[in-house]
Amino acid sequence: MTTLHRARNWKIQVFGREHGIPHFHVWTPDAAAVVAIETLAVLSGSVDAKVLEEATSWAAEHRVELMAEWCRLNPEKPQ
């Protein structure tokens, strides 16, 4: 697991040995969501709308970094 970004009350993480399409996790103290790296669509879970907006805005600017980390942690998974 790698934490790629932390903000005031949320963080973005990428895990190894994952399933499905390349994605990242958005965590808050009381909620979580899984978001596709390529489309920034929420795949599961939910977080506050403002947190989701901030997290996906950060992710849009850091897609290459997110995908590189996904590939590093999940080398056997197709992209």
C-alpha atoms as a PDB file:
ATOM      1  CA  MET A   1       0.000   0.000   0.000  1.00  0.00           C
ATOM      2  CA  THR A   2       1.221   3.446  -0.886  1.00  0.00           C
ATOM      3  CA  THR A   3      -0.242   6.742   0.251  1.00  0.00           C
ATOM      4  CA  LEU A   4       0.230   9.141  -2.651  1.00  0.00           C
ATOM      5  CA  HIS A   5      -1.524  12.182  -1.256  1.00  0.00           C
ATOM      6  CA  ARG A   6      -2.877  13.487   2.035  1.00  0.00           C
ATOM      7  CA  ALA A   7      -5.164  16.472   2.501  1.00  0.00           C
ATOM      8  CA  ARG A   8      -6.831  17.919   5.575  1.00  0.00           C
ATOM      9  CA  ASN A   9      -9.286  15.049   6.128  1.00  0.00           C
ATOM     10  CA  TRP A  10      -8.736  12.581   3.279  1.00  0.00           C
ATOM     11  CA  LYS A  11      -6.012  10.575   1.574  1.00  0.00           C
ATOM     12  CA  ILE A  12      -5.410   8.681  -1.661  1.00  0.00           C
ATOM     13  CA  GLN A  13      -3.891   5.206  -1.572  1.00  0.00           C
ATOM     14  CA  VAL A  14      -3.013   2.494  -4.087  1.00  0.00           C
ATOM     15  CA  PHE A  15      -2.808  -1.149  -2.991  1.00  0.00           C
ATOM     16  CA  GLY A  16      -0.999  -4.187  -4.317  1.00  0.00           C
ATOM     17  CA  ARG A  17      -2.637  -7.533  -5.083  1.00  0.00           C
ATOM     18  CA  GLU A  18      -5.795  -5.759  -6.216  1.00  0.00           C
ATOM     19  CA  HIS A  19      -8.481  -6.882  -8.634  1.00  0.00           C
ATOM     20  CA  GLY A  20     -10.381  -5.137 -11.384  1.00  0.00           C
ATOM     21  CA  ILE A  21      -9.353  -2.131 -13.408  1.00  0.00           C
ATOM     22  CA  PRO A  22      -6.578   0.201 -12.209  1.00  0.00           C
ATOM     23  CA  HIS A  23      -7.979   2.274  -9.354  1.00  0.00           C
ATOM     24  CA  PHE A  24      -7.164   4.148  -6.185  1.00  0.00           C
ATOM     25  CA  HIS A  25      -8.835   4.442  -2.794  1.00  0.00           C
ATOM     26  CA  VAL A  26     -10.047   7.691  -1.240  1.00  0.00           C
ATOM     27  CA  TRP A  27     -10.255   7.467   2.554  1.00  0.00           C
ATOM     28  CA  THR A  28     -11.790   9.847   5.068  1.00  0.00           C
ATOM     29  CA  PRO A  29     -12.180   9.217   8.806  1.00  0.00           C
ATOM     30  CA  ASP A  30     -15.687   7.829   8.253  1.00  0.00           C
ATOM     31  CA  ALA A  31     -15.998   6.874   4.558  1.00  0.00           C
ATOM     32  CA  ALA A  32     -14.170   5.373   1.604  1.00  0.00           C
ATOM     33  CA  ALA A  33     -14.512   5.139  -2.161  1.00  0.00           C
ATOM     34  CA  VAL A  34     -12.742   3.328  -4.980  1.00  0.00           C
ATOM     35  CA  VAL A  35     -12.104   5.441  -8.090  1.00  0.00           C
ATOM     36  CA  ALA A  36     -10.929   4.361 -11.563  1.00  0.00           C
ATOM     37  CA  ILE A  37      -7.630   5.979 -12.541  1.00  0.00           C
ATOM     38  CA  GLU A  38      -8.477   6.342 -16.224  1.00  0.00           C
ATOM     39  CA  THR A  39     -12.014   7.737 -15.993  1.00  0.00           C
ATOM     40  CA  LEU A  40     -12.125   8.995 -12.380  1.00  0.00           C
ATOM     41  CA  ALA A  41     -15.494   7.271 -12.037  1.00  0.00           C
ATOM     42  CA  VAL A  42     -16.466   6.011  -8.589  1.00  0.00           C
ATOM     43  CA  LEU A  43     -16.445   2.207  -8.736  1.00  0.00           C
ATOM     44  CA  SER A  44     -17.667   1.561  -5.210  1.00  0.00           C
ATOM     45  CA  GLY A  45     -18.269   3.272  -1.898  1.00  0.00           C
ATOM     46  CA  SER A  46     -18.871   6.962  -1.388  1.00  0.00           C
ATOM     47  CA  VAL A  47     -17.292   9.982   0.223  1.00  0.00           C
ATOM     48  CA  ASP A  48     -18.475  13.532   0.766  1.00  0.00           C
ATOM     49  CA  ALA A  49     -19.002  15.356  -2.563  1.00  0.00           C
ATOM     50  CA  LYS A  50     -16.424  18.044  -1.721  1.00  0.00           C
ATOM     51  CA  VAL A  51     -13.824  15.403  -0.815  1.00  0.00           C
ATOM     52  CA  LEU A  52     -14.557  13.526  -4.041  1.00  0.00           C
ATOM     53  CA  GLU A  53     -14.176  16.726  -6.051  1.00  0.00           C
ATOM     54  CA  GLU A  54     -10.852  17.539  -4.377  1.00  0.00           C
ATOM     55  CA  ALA A  55      -9.545  13.967  -4.699  1.00  0.00           C
ATOM     56  CA  THR A  56     -10.487  13.552  -8.345  1.00  0.00           C
ATOM     57  CA  SER A  57      -9.070  16.974  -9.166  1.00  0.00           C
ATOM     58  CA  TRP A  58      -5.745  15.939  -7.610  1.00  0.00           C
ATOM     59  CA  ALA A  59      -5.926  12.558  -9.371  1.00  0.00           C
ATOM     60  CA  ALA A  60      -6.587  14.162 -12.765  1.00  0.00           C
ATOM     61  CA  GLU A  61      -3.316  16.068 -12.426  1.00  0.00           C
ATOM     62  CA  HIS A  62      -1.423  12.982 -11.199  1.00  0.00           C
ATOM     63  CA  ARG A  63      -2.808  10.172 -13.403  1.00  0.00           C
ATOM     64  CA  VAL A  64       0.656   9.171 -14.646  1.00  0.00           C
ATOM     65  CA  GLU A  65       1.921   8.856 -11.077  1.00  0.00           C
ATOM     66  CA  LEU A  66      -1.181   6.901 -10.007  1.00  0.00           C
ATOM     67  CA  MET A  67      -0.904   4.496 -12.951  1.00  0.00           C
ATOM     68  CA  ALA A  68       2.824   4.010 -12.418  1.00  0.00           C
ATOM     69  CA  GLU A  69       2.212   3.099  -8.778  1.00  0.00           C
ATOM     70  CA  TRP A  70      -0.678   0.776  -9.720  1.00  0.00           C
ATOM     71  CA  CYS A  71       1.614  -1.015 -12.214  1.00  0.00           C
ATOM     72  CA  ARG A  72       4.461  -1.224  -9.704  1.00  0.00           C
ATOM     73  CA  LEU A  73       2.228  -2.757  -7.029  1.00  0.00           C
ATOM     74  CA  ASN A  74       0.198  -4.925  -9.433  1.00  0.00           C
ATOM     75  CA  PRO A  75       2.688  -6.069 -12.093  1.00  0.00           C
ATOM     76  CA  GLU A  76       0.645  -9.131 -13.070  1.00  0.00           C
ATOM     77  CA  LYS A  77      -2.533  -7.125 -13.788  1.00  0.00           C
ATOM     78  CA  PRO A  78      -3.318  -5.755 -17.262  1.00  0.00           C
ATOM     79  CA  GLN A  79      -3.651  -2.000 -17.557  1.00  0.00           C
END
